[in-house]
PDB file of N, CA and C in Angstrom:
ATOM      1  N   MET A   1     -39.407 -46.711-116.344  1.00  0.00           N
ATOM      2  CA  MET A   1     -38.901 -45.562-117.047  1.00  0.00           C
ATOM      3  C   MET A   1     -38.292 -44.566-116.071  1.00  0.00           C
ATOM      4  N   SER A   2     -37.600 -45.064-115.096  1.00  0.00           N
ATOM      5  CA  SER A   2     -36.866 -44.281-114.108  1.00  0.00           C
ATOM      6  C   SER A   2     -37.696 -43.186-113.442  1.00  0.00           C
ATOM      7  N   GLY A   3     -38.943 -43.500-113.084  1.00  0.00           N
ATOM      8  CA  GLY A   3     -39.772 -42.588-112.332  1.00  0.00           C
ATOM      9  C   GLY A   3     -40.437 -41.481-113.124  1.00  0.00           C
ATOM     10  N   LYS A   4     -40.060 -41.286-114.359  1.00  0.00           N
ATOM     11  CA  LYS A   4     -40.668 -40.237-115.174  1.00  0.00           C
ATOM     12  C   LYS A   4     -41.956 -40.748-115.806  1.00  0.00           C
ATOM     13  N   ALA A   5     -42.924 -39.868-115.917  1.00  0.00           N
ATOM     14  CA  ALA A   5     -44.202 -40.224-116.530  1.00  0.00           C
ATOM     15  C   ALA A   5     -44.010 -40.471-118.023  1.00  0.00           C
ATOM     16  N   PHE A   6     -44.712 -41.462-118.521  1.00  0.00           N
ATOM     17  CA  PHE A   6     -44.727 -41.751-119.949  1.00  0.00           C
ATOM     18  C   PHE A   6     -45.646 -40.740-120.617  1.00  0.00           C
ATOM     19  N   LYS A   7     -45.135 -40.034-121.596  1.00  0.00           N
ATOM     20  CA  LYS A   7     -45.918 -38.993-122.266  1.00  0.00           C
ATOM     21  C   LYS A   7     -46.284 -39.455-123.674  1.00  0.00           C
ATOM     22  N   LEU A   8     -47.588 -39.632-123.879  1.00  0.00           N
ATOM     23  CA  LEU A   8     -48.115 -40.148-125.140  1.00  0.00           C
ATOM     24  C   LEU A   8     -48.918 -39.073-125.859  1.00  0.00           C
ATOM     25  N   GLY A   9     -48.627 -38.881-127.122  1.00  0.00           N
ATOM     26  CA  GLY A   9     -49.419 -37.993-127.966  1.00  0.00           C
ATOM     27  C   GLY A   9     -50.317 -38.833-128.855  1.00  0.00           C
ATOM     28  N   ILE A  10     -51.474 -38.302-129.197  1.00  0.00           N
ATOM     29  CA  ILE A  10     -52.427 -39.033-130.034  1.00  0.00           C
ATOM     30  C   ILE A  10     -52.658 -38.240-131.311  1.00  0.00           C
ATOM     31  N   MET A  11     -52.487 -38.906-132.441  1.00  0.00           N
ATOM     32  CA  MET A  11     -52.704 -38.281-133.747  1.00  0.00           C
ATOM     33  C   MET A  11     -53.782 -39.080-134.462  1.00  0.00           C
ATOM     34  N   GLY A  12     -54.993 -38.561-134.428  1.00  0.00           N
ATOM     35  CA  GLY A  12     -56.092 -39.240-135.100  1.00  0.00           C
ATOM     36  C   GLY A  12     -56.365 -38.634-136.456  1.00  0.00           C
ATOM     37  N   GLY A  13     -56.965 -39.425-137.320  1.00  0.00           N
ATOM     38  CA  GLY A  13     -57.323 -38.914-138.636  1.00  0.00           C
ATOM     39  C   GLY A  13     -57.804 -40.020-139.542  1.00  0.00           C
ATOM     40  N   THR A  14     -58.325 -39.624-140.676  1.00  0.00           N
ATOM     41  CA  THR A  14     -58.759 -40.609-141.663  1.00  0.00           C
ATOM     42  C   THR A  14     -57.540 -41.244-142.323  1.00  0.00           C
ATOM     43  N   PHE A  15     -56.493 -40.467-142.516  1.00  0.00           N
ATOM     44  CA  PHE A  15     -55.261 -40.922-143.164  1.00  0.00           C
ATOM     45  C   PHE A  15     -55.585 -41.591-144.502  1.00  0.00           C
ATOM     46  N   ASN A  16     -56.214 -40.805-145.361  1.00  0.00           N
ATOM     47  CA  ASN A  16     -56.691 -41.295-146.657  1.00  0.00           C
ATOM     48  C   ASN A  16     -56.074 -40.496-147.801  1.00  0.00           C
ATOM     49  N   PRO A  17     -54.796 -40.656-148.039  1.00  0.00           N
ATOM     50  CA  PRO A  17     -53.831 -41.488-147.323  1.00  0.00           C
ATOM     51  C   PRO A  17     -53.054 -40.652-146.309  1.00  0.00           C
ATOM     52  N   ILE A  18     -52.292 -41.353-145.493  1.00  0.00           N
ATOM     53  CA  ILE A  18     -51.340 -40.652-144.632  1.00  0.00           C
ATOM     54  C   ILE A  18     -50.284 -40.037-145.550  1.00  0.00           C
ATOM     55  N   HIS A  19     -49.765 -38.872-145.165  1.00  0.00           N
ATOM     56  CA  HIS A  19     -48.775 -38.210-146.011  1.00  0.00           C
ATOM     57  C   HIS A  19     -47.699 -37.550-145.148  1.00  0.00           C
ATOM     58  N   GLN A  20     -46.725 -36.999-145.828  1.00  0.00           N
ATOM     59  CA  GLN A  20     -45.574 -36.399-145.148  1.00  0.00           C
ATOM     60  C   GLN A  20     -45.991 -35.315-144.159  1.00  0.00           C
ATOM     61  N   GLY A  21     -47.032 -34.573-144.465  1.00  0.00           N
ATOM     62  CA  GLY A  21     -47.507 -33.531-143.551  1.00  0.00           C
ATOM     63  C   GLY A  21     -47.920 -34.092-142.202  1.00  0.00           C
ATOM     64  N   HIS A  22     -48.585 -35.251-142.201  1.00  0.00           N
ATOM     65  CA  HIS A  22     -48.963 -35.898-140.942  1.00  0.00           C
ATOM     66  C   HIS A  22     -47.709 -36.268-140.138  1.00  0.00           C
ATOM     67  N   LEU A  23     -46.735 -36.835-140.835  1.00  0.00           N
ATOM     68  CA  LEU A  23     -45.521 -37.306-140.162  1.00  0.00           C
ATOM     69  C   LEU A  23     -44.700 -36.142-139.608  1.00  0.00           C
ATOM     70  N   VAL A  24     -44.582 -35.078-140.378  1.00  0.00           N
ATOM     71  CA  VAL A  24     -43.832 -33.899-139.922  1.00  0.00           C
ATOM     72  C   VAL A  24     -44.529 -33.266-138.719  1.00  0.00           C
ATOM     73  N   ALA A  25     -45.848 -33.138-138.790  1.00  0.00           N
ATOM     74  CA  ALA A  25     -46.603 -32.554-137.665  1.00  0.00           C
ATOM     75  C   ALA A  25     -46.437 -33.397-136.406  1.00  0.00           C
ATOM     76  N   ALA A  26     -46.526 -34.714-136.549  1.00  0.00           N
ATOM     77  CA  ALA A  26     -46.397 -35.603-135.391  1.00  0.00           C
ATOM     78  C   ALA A  26     -45.006 -35.508-134.774  1.00  0.00           C
ATOM     79  N   GLU A  27     -43.985 -35.460-135.605  1.00  0.00           N
ATOM     80  CA  GLU A  27     -42.618 -35.351-135.088  1.00  0.00           C
ATOM     81  C   GLU A  27     -42.397 -33.998-134.424  1.00  0.00           C
ATOM     82  N   PHE A  28     -42.949 -32.942-134.984  1.00  0.00           N
ATOM     83  CA  PHE A  28     -42.833 -31.609-134.382  1.00  0.00           C
ATOM     84  C   PHE A  28     -43.481 -31.597-132.997  1.00  0.00           C
ATOM     85  N   ILE A  29     -44.682 -32.122-132.895  1.00  0.00           N
ATOM     86  CA  ILE A  29     -45.406 -32.153-131.615  1.00  0.00           C
ATOM     87  C   ILE A  29     -44.667 -33.035-130.605  1.00  0.00           C
ATOM     88  N   ARG A  30     -44.148 -34.173-131.073  1.00  0.00           N
ATOM     89  CA  ARG A  30     -43.402 -35.060-130.173  1.00  0.00           C
ATOM     90  C   ARG A  30     -42.207 -34.319-129.584  1.00  0.00           C
ATOM     91  N   ASP A  31     -41.488 -33.626-130.432  1.00  0.00           N
ATOM     92  CA  ASP A  31     -40.313 -32.888-129.983  1.00  0.00           C
ATOM     93  C   ASP A  31     -40.699 -31.695-129.102  1.00  0.00           C
ATOM     94  N   GLU A  32     -41.685 -30.939-129.523  1.00  0.00           N
ATOM     95  CA  GLU A  32     -42.110 -29.729-128.803  1.00  0.00           C
ATOM     96  C   GLU A  32     -42.588 -30.040-127.385  1.00  0.00           C
ATOM     97  N   PHE A  33     -43.325 -31.142-127.233  1.00  0.00           N
ATOM     98  CA  PHE A  33     -43.896 -31.493-125.929  1.00  0.00           C
ATOM     99  C   PHE A  33     -43.129 -32.611-125.226  1.00  0.00           C
ATOM    100  N   LYS A  34     -41.976 -32.971-125.770  1.00  0.00           N
ATOM    101  CA  LYS A  34     -41.112 -34.000-125.172  1.00  0.00           C
ATOM    102  C   LYS A  34     -41.892 -35.295-124.911  1.00  0.00           C
ATOM    103  N   LEU A  35     -42.621 -35.738-125.934  1.00  0.00           N
ATOM    104  CA  LEU A  35     -43.416 -36.961-125.817  1.00  0.00           C
ATOM    105  C   LEU A  35     -42.531 -38.181-126.020  1.00  0.00           C
ATOM    106  N   ASN A  36     -42.857 -39.258-125.316  1.00  0.00           N
ATOM    107  CA  ASN A  36     -42.153 -40.513-125.523  1.00  0.00           C
ATOM    108  C   ASN A  36     -42.590 -41.176-126.825  1.00  0.00           C
ATOM    109  N   GLU A  37     -43.861 -40.983-127.151  1.00  0.00           N
ATOM    110  CA  GLU A  37     -44.427 -41.691-128.299  1.00  0.00           C
ATOM    111  C   GLU A  37     -45.607 -40.903-128.863  1.00  0.00           C
ATOM    112  N   VAL A  38     -45.823 -41.063-130.164  1.00  0.00           N
ATOM    113  CA  VAL A  38     -47.030 -40.547-130.808  1.00  0.00           C
ATOM    114  C   VAL A  38     -47.787 -41.755-131.347  1.00  0.00           C
ATOM    115  N   LEU A  39     -49.027 -41.872-130.922  1.00  0.00           N
ATOM    116  CA  LEU A  39     -49.888 -42.973-131.339  1.00  0.00           C
ATOM    117  C   LEU A  39     -50.817 -42.482-132.445  1.00  0.00           C
ATOM    118  N   PHE A  40     -50.666 -43.038-133.626  1.00  0.00           N
ATOM    119  CA  PHE A  40     -51.545 -42.714-134.744  1.00  0.00           C
ATOM    120  C   PHE A  40     -52.785 -43.586-134.638  1.00  0.00           C
ATOM    121  N   VAL A  41     -53.953 -42.963-134.774  1.00  0.00           N
ATOM    122  CA  VAL A  41     -55.222 -43.686-134.657  1.00  0.00           C
ATOM    123  C   VAL A  41     -56.048 -43.424-135.924  1.00  0.00           C
ATOM    124  N   PRO A  42     -55.913 -44.305-136.926  1.00  0.00           N
ATOM    125  CA  PRO A  42     -56.735 -44.142-138.123  1.00  0.00           C
ATOM    126  C   PRO A  42     -58.207 -44.380-137.788  1.00  0.00           C
ATOM    127  N   SER A  43     -59.065 -43.502-138.283  1.00  0.00           N
ATOM    128  CA  SER A  43     -60.493 -43.654-137.994  1.00  0.00           C
ATOM    129  C   SER A  43     -61.044 -44.874-138.724  1.00  0.00           C
ATOM    130  N   GLY A  44     -61.941 -45.563-138.038  1.00  0.00           N
ATOM    131  CA  GLY A  44     -62.570 -46.728-138.642  1.00  0.00           C
ATOM    132  C   GLY A  44     -63.637 -46.312-139.627  1.00  0.00           C
ATOM    133  N   LYS A  45     -64.672 -45.698-139.097  1.00  0.00           N
ATOM    134  CA  LYS A  45     -65.784 -45.216-139.923  1.00  0.00           C
ATOM    135  C   LYS A  45     -66.068 -43.775-139.514  1.00  0.00           C
ATOM    136  N   PRO A  46     -65.389 -42.819-140.150  1.00  0.00           N
ATOM    137  CA  PRO A  46     -65.595 -41.422-139.768  1.00  0.00           C
ATOM    138  C   PRO A  46     -67.017 -40.969-140.097  1.00  0.00           C
ATOM    139  N   PRO A  47     -67.718 -40.377-139.132  1.00  0.00           N
ATOM    140  CA  PRO A  47     -69.113 -39.988-139.346  1.00  0.00           C
ATOM    141  C   PRO A  47     -69.286 -38.833-140.330  1.00  0.00           C
ATOM    142  N   HIS A  48     -68.225 -38.080-140.577  1.00  0.00           N
ATOM    143  CA  HIS A  48     -68.299 -36.902-141.439  1.00  0.00           C
ATOM    144  C   HIS A  48     -67.843 -37.160-142.875  1.00  0.00           C
ATOM    145  N   LYS A  49     -67.542 -38.426-143.196  1.00  0.00           N
ATOM    146  CA  LYS A  49     -67.059 -38.741-144.541  1.00  0.00           C
ATOM    147  C   LYS A  49     -67.878 -39.881-145.132  1.00  0.00           C
ATOM    148  N   ASP A  50     -68.056 -39.842-146.432  1.00  0.00           N
ATOM    149  CA  ASP A  50     -68.755 -40.895-147.162  1.00  0.00           C
ATOM    150  C   ASP A  50     -67.802 -42.080-147.312  1.00  0.00           C
ATOM    151  N   SER A  51     -68.184 -43.233-146.779  1.00  0.00           N
ATOM    152  CA  SER A  51     -67.297 -44.400-146.806  1.00  0.00           C
ATOM    153  C   SER A  51     -66.986 -44.863-148.227  1.00  0.00           C
ATOM    154  N   ASN A  52     -67.806 -44.468-149.193  1.00  0.00           N
ATOM    155  CA  ASN A  52     -67.534 -44.827-150.588  1.00  0.00           C
ATOM    156  C   ASN A  52     -66.424 -43.974-151.199  1.00  0.00           C
ATOM    157  N   GLU A  53     -66.043 -42.910-150.511  1.00  0.00           N
ATOM    158  CA  GLU A  53     -65.034 -41.996-151.045  1.00  0.00           C
ATOM    159  C   GLU A  53     -63.674 -42.131-150.370  1.00  0.00           C
ATOM    160  N   ILE A  54     -63.561 -43.065-149.440  1.00  0.00           N
ATOM    161  CA  ILE A  54     -62.275 -43.280-148.768  1.00  0.00           C
ATOM    162  C   ILE A  54     -61.884 -44.746-148.883  1.00  0.00           C
ATOM    163  N   ALA A  55     -60.597 -45.005-148.746  1.00  0.00           N
ATOM    164  CA  ALA A  55     -60.094 -46.378-148.796  1.00  0.00           C
ATOM    165  C   ALA A  55     -60.657 -47.174-147.620  1.00  0.00           C
ATOM    166  N   PRO A  56     -60.742 -48.494-147.756  1.00  0.00           N
ATOM    167  CA  PRO A  56     -61.219 -49.319-146.642  1.00  0.00           C
ATOM    168  C   PRO A  56     -60.347 -49.102-145.398  1.00  0.00           C
ATOM    169  N   PRO A  57     -60.958 -49.204-144.212  1.00  0.00           N
ATOM    170  CA  PRO A  57     -60.214 -48.950-142.968  1.00  0.00           C
ATOM    171  C   PRO A  57     -58.930 -49.767-142.840  1.00  0.00           C
ATOM    172  N   GLU A  58     -58.984 -51.029-143.219  1.00  0.00           N
ATOM    173  CA  GLU A  58     -57.805 -51.891-143.090  1.00  0.00           C
ATOM    174  C   GLU A  58     -56.662 -51.395-143.973  1.00  0.00           C
ATOM    175  N   HIS A  59     -56.989 -50.871-145.151  1.00  0.00           N
ATOM    176  CA  HIS A  59     -55.956 -50.341-146.044  1.00  0.00           C
ATOM    177  C   HIS A  59     -55.343 -49.069-145.468  1.00  0.00           C
ATOM    178  N   ARG A  60     -56.183 -48.200-144.912  1.00  0.00           N
ATOM    179  CA  ARG A  60     -55.675 -46.952-144.322  1.00  0.00           C
ATOM    180  C   ARG A  60     -54.816 -47.253-143.101  1.00  0.00           C
ATOM    181  N   TRP A  61     -55.213 -48.269-142.330  1.00  0.00           N
ATOM    182  CA  TRP A  61     -54.416 -48.679-141.167  1.00  0.00           C
ATOM    183  C   TRP A  61     -53.041 -49.170-141.629  1.00  0.00           C
ATOM    184  N   MET A  62     -53.024 -50.043-142.646  1.00  0.00           N
ATOM    185  CA  MET A  62     -51.749 -50.587-143.123  1.00  0.00           C
ATOM    186  C   MET A  62     -50.875 -49.496-143.739  1.00  0.00           C
ATOM    187  N   MET A  63     -51.477 -48.548-144.467  1.00  0.00           N
ATOM    188  CA  MET A  63     -50.690 -47.427-145.002  1.00  0.00           C
ATOM    189  C   MET A  63     -50.036 -46.653-143.858  1.00  0.00           C
ATOM    190  N   THR A  64     -50.769 -46.492-142.764  1.00  0.00           N
ATOM    191  CA  THR A  64     -50.246 -45.758-141.609  1.00  0.00           C
ATOM    192  C   THR A  64     -49.124 -46.537-140.942  1.00  0.00           C
ATOM    193  N   VAL A  65     -49.297 -47.841-140.818  1.00  0.00           N
ATOM    194  CA  VAL A  65     -48.238 -48.691-140.252  1.00  0.00           C
ATOM    195  C   VAL A  65     -46.964 -48.565-141.088  1.00  0.00           C
ATOM    196  N   LEU A  66     -47.107 -48.685-142.389  1.00  0.00           N
ATOM    197  CA  LEU A  66     -45.936 -48.612-143.273  1.00  0.00           C
ATOM    198  C   LEU A  66     -45.275 -47.234-143.231  1.00  0.00           C
ATOM    199  N   ALA A  67     -46.082 -46.183-143.200  1.00  0.00           N
ATOM    200  CA  ALA A  67     -45.540 -44.819-143.212  1.00  0.00           C
ATOM    201  C   ALA A  67     -44.817 -44.454-141.922  1.00  0.00           C
ATOM    202  N   THR A  68     -45.196 -45.075-140.815  1.00  0.00           N
ATOM    203  CA  THR A  68     -44.604 -44.732-139.515  1.00  0.00           C
ATOM    204  C   THR A  68     -43.520 -45.711-139.066  1.00  0.00           C
ATOM    205  N   ALA A  69     -43.321 -46.783-139.808  1.00  0.00           N
ATOM    206  CA  ALA A  69     -42.432 -47.872-139.381  1.00  0.00           C
ATOM    207  C   ALA A  69     -40.992 -47.434-139.123  1.00  0.00           C
ATOM    208  N   SER A  70     -40.515 -46.435-139.815  1.00  0.00           N
ATOM    209  CA  SER A  70     -39.110 -46.043-139.661  1.00  0.00           C
ATOM    210  C   SER A  70     -38.854 -45.127-138.461  1.00  0.00           C
ATOM    211  N   ASN A  71     -39.901 -44.737-137.760  1.00  0.00           N
ATOM    212  CA  ASN A  71     -39.728 -43.847-136.605  1.00  0.00           C
ATOM    213  C   ASN A  71     -40.053 -44.617-135.325  1.00  0.00           C
ATOM    214  N   GLU A  72     -39.047 -44.847-134.506  1.00  0.00           N
ATOM    215  CA  GLU A  72     -39.227 -45.631-133.285  1.00  0.00           C
ATOM    216  C   GLU A  72     -40.160 -44.971-132.270  1.00  0.00           C
ATOM    217  N   HIS A  73     -40.466 -43.701-132.461  1.00  0.00           N
ATOM    218  CA  HIS A  73     -41.349 -42.981-131.541  1.00  0.00           C
ATOM    219  C   HIS A  73     -42.799 -42.963-132.009  1.00  0.00           C
ATOM    220  N   PHE A  74     -43.073 -43.604-133.132  1.00  0.00           N
ATOM    221  CA  PHE A  74     -44.428 -43.665-133.670  1.00  0.00           C
ATOM    222  C   PHE A  74     -44.970 -45.081-133.544  1.00  0.00           C
ATOM    223  N   SER A  75     -46.248 -45.185-133.213  1.00  0.00           N
ATOM    224  CA  SER A  75     -46.939 -46.474-133.235  1.00  0.00           C
ATOM    225  C   SER A  75     -48.336 -46.234-133.797  1.00  0.00           C
ATOM    226  N   VAL A  76     -49.017 -47.316-134.131  1.00  0.00           N
ATOM    227  CA  VAL A  76     -50.331 -47.215-134.757  1.00  0.00           C
ATOM    228  C   VAL A  76     -51.311 -48.097-134.003  1.00  0.00           C
ATOM    229  N   SER A  77     -52.464 -47.539-133.695  1.00  0.00           N
ATOM    230  CA  SER A  77     -53.525 -48.271-133.000  1.00  0.00           C
ATOM    231  C   SER A  77     -54.609 -48.685-133.989  1.00  0.00           C
ATOM    232  N   SER A  78     -55.199 -49.831-133.734  1.00  0.00           N
ATOM    233  CA  SER A  78     -56.329 -50.297-134.548  1.00  0.00           C
ATOM    234  C   SER A  78     -57.648 -50.179-133.787  1.00  0.00           C
ATOM    235  N   LEU A  79     -57.653 -49.430-132.680  1.00  0.00           N
ATOM    236  CA  LEU A  79     -58.867 -49.303-131.858  1.00  0.00           C
ATOM    237  C   LEU A  79     -60.093 -48.918-132.673  1.00  0.00           C
ATOM    238  N   GLU A  80     -59.983 -47.876-133.455  1.00  0.00           N
ATOM    239  CA  GLU A  80     -61.148 -47.405-134.200  1.00  0.00           C
ATOM    240  C   GLU A  80     -61.468 -48.311-135.383  1.00  0.00           C
ATOM    241  N   ILE A  81     -60.463 -48.949-135.943  1.00  0.00           N
ATOM    242  CA  ILE A  81     -60.683 -49.879-137.052  1.00  0.00           C
ATOM    243  C   ILE A  81     -61.490 -51.081-136.561  1.00  0.00           C
ATOM    244  N   GLU A  82     -61.190 -51.537-135.345  1.00  0.00           N
ATOM    245  CA  GLU A  82     -61.861 -52.712-134.779  1.00  0.00           C
ATOM    246  C   GLU A  82     -63.239 -52.395-134.206  1.00  0.00           C
ATOM    247  N   ARG A  83     -63.499 -51.135-133.920  1.00  0.00           N
ATOM    248  CA  ARG A  83     -64.768 -50.746-133.306  1.00  0.00           C
ATOM    249  C   ARG A  83     -65.913 -50.868-134.310  1.00  0.00           C
ATOM    250  N   VAL A  84     -67.044 -51.356-133.839  1.00  0.00           N
ATOM    251  CA  VAL A  84     -68.244 -51.441-134.665  1.00  0.00           C
ATOM    252  C   VAL A  84     -68.922 -50.072-134.664  1.00  0.00           C
ATOM    253  N   GLY A  85     -69.375 -49.639-135.804  1.00  0.00           N
ATOM    254  CA  GLY A  85     -70.073 -48.360-135.901  1.00  0.00           C
ATOM    255  C   GLY A  85     -69.133 -47.211-136.182  1.00  0.00           C
ATOM    256  N   GLU A  86     -69.676 -46.016-136.071  1.00  0.00           N
ATOM    257  CA  GLU A  86     -68.911 -44.814-136.375  1.00  0.00           C
ATOM    258  C   GLU A  86     -67.834 -44.547-135.326  1.00  0.00           C
ATOM    259  N   SER A  87     -66.776 -43.893-135.765  1.00  0.00           N
ATOM    260  CA  SER A  87     -65.635 -43.592-134.898  1.00  0.00           C
ATOM    261  C   SER A  87     -65.768 -42.194-134.314  1.00  0.00           C
ATOM    262  N   TYR A  88     -65.725 -42.122-132.995  1.00  0.00           N
ATOM    263  CA  TYR A  88     -65.785 -40.836-132.305  1.00  0.00           C
ATOM    264  C   TYR A  88     -64.592 -40.710-131.374  1.00  0.00           C
ATOM    265  N   THR A  89     -63.950 -39.557-131.412  1.00  0.00           N
ATOM    266  CA  THR A  89     -62.742 -39.309-130.629  1.00  0.00           C
ATOM    267  C   THR A  89     -62.960 -39.540-129.141  1.00  0.00           C
ATOM    268  N   GLY A  90     -64.082 -39.096-128.610  1.00  0.00           N
ATOM    269  CA  GLY A  90     -64.355 -39.255-127.180  1.00  0.00           C
ATOM    270  C   GLY A  90     -64.313 -40.704-126.737  1.00  0.00           C
ATOM    271  N   GLU A  91     -64.896 -41.592-127.526  1.00  0.00           N
ATOM    272  CA  GLU A  91     -64.876 -43.023-127.199  1.00  0.00           C
ATOM    273  C   GLU A  91     -63.451 -43.564-127.244  1.00  0.00           C
ATOM    274  N   THR A  92     -62.698 -43.104-128.221  1.00  0.00           N
ATOM    275  CA  THR A  92     -61.312 -43.557-128.349  1.00  0.00           C
ATOM    276  C   THR A  92     -60.480 -43.108-127.156  1.00  0.00           C
ATOM    277  N   ILE A  93     -60.658 -41.871-126.731  1.00  0.00           N
ATOM    278  CA  ILE A  93     -59.912 -41.358-125.573  1.00  0.00           C
ATOM    279  C   ILE A  93     -60.242 -42.176-124.328  1.00  0.00           C
ATOM    280  N   LEU A  94     -61.509 -42.503-124.128  1.00  0.00           N
ATOM    281  CA  LEU A  94     -61.892 -43.323-122.969  1.00  0.00           C
ATOM    282  C   LEU A  94     -61.216 -44.686-123.021  1.00  0.00           C
ATOM    283  N   GLN A  95     -61.170 -45.304-124.195  1.00  0.00           N
ATOM    284  CA  GLN A  95     -60.495 -46.595-124.337  1.00  0.00           C
ATOM    285  C   GLN A  95     -59.002 -46.465-124.059  1.00  0.00           C
ATOM    286  N   LEU A  96     -58.387 -45.427-124.591  1.00  0.00           N
ATOM    287  CA  LEU A  96     -56.951 -45.242-124.397  1.00  0.00           C
ATOM    288  C   LEU A  96     -56.608 -44.978-122.936  1.00  0.00           C
ATOM    289  N   LYS A  97     -57.485 -44.299-122.210  1.00  0.00           N
ATOM    290  CA  LYS A  97     -57.240 -44.066-120.781  1.00  0.00           C
ATOM    291  C   LYS A  97     -57.217 -45.382-120.011  1.00  0.00           C
ATOM    292  N   LYS A  98     -57.986 -46.372-120.471  1.00  0.00           N
ATOM    293  CA  LYS A  98     -57.965 -47.697-119.833  1.00  0.00           C
ATOM    294  C   LYS A  98     -56.686 -48.453-120.192  1.00  0.00           C
ATOM    295  N   ILE A  99     -56.230 -48.283-121.426  1.00  0.00           N
ATOM    296  CA  ILE A  99     -55.017 -48.965-121.881  1.00  0.00           C
ATOM    297  C   ILE A  99     -53.767 -48.337-121.265  1.00  0.00           C
ATOM    298  N   TYR A 100     -53.785 -47.020-121.106  1.00  0.00           N
ATOM    299  CA  TYR A 100     -52.651 -46.271-120.562  1.00  0.00           C
ATOM    300  C   TYR A 100     -53.066 -45.570-119.272  1.00  0.00           C
ATOM    301  N   PRO A 101     -53.359 -46.326-118.203  1.00  0.00           N
ATOM    302  CA  PRO A 101     -53.794 -45.687-116.955  1.00  0.00           C
ATOM    303  C   PRO A 101     -52.684 -44.801-116.377  1.00  0.00           C
ATOM    304  N   GLY A 102     -53.105 -43.732-115.745  1.00  0.00           N
ATOM    305  CA  GLY A 102     -52.135 -42.829-115.139  1.00  0.00           C
ATOM    306  C   GLY A 102     -51.609 -41.765-116.083  1.00  0.00           C
ATOM    307  N   ASN A 103     -52.015 -41.819-117.340  1.00  0.00           N
ATOM    308  CA  ASN A 103     -51.618 -40.803-118.322  1.00  0.00           C
ATOM    309  C   ASN A 103     -52.840 -39.974-118.672  1.00  0.00           C
ATOM    310  N   THR A 104     -52.643 -38.691-118.867  1.00  0.00           N
ATOM    311  CA  THR A 104     -53.772 -37.839-119.246  1.00  0.00           C
ATOM    312  C   THR A 104     -53.573 -37.265-120.620  1.00  0.00           C
TER     313      THR A 104
END
């Protein structure tokens, strides 16, 4: 990338469902901070929500994939969907630091 640091933004949430507000906020932040990409991270099992009141994780992940598909600067991670147990942001950040070394 011609010597410039890759700048990644992270947008986590339940996305139950993802909506235009999420997409507008992500695009605003991407533009404001000159990010190369915004990574959407749908929560697998949010500890603060009743799993009976939200769509299954795989459905929320696919809704997020479909909603972000038209923006080349958006991608979607399944890290929290694949994780066993409750989803915590701190664990996700540690995993992402391993996947994207050299980025903070």
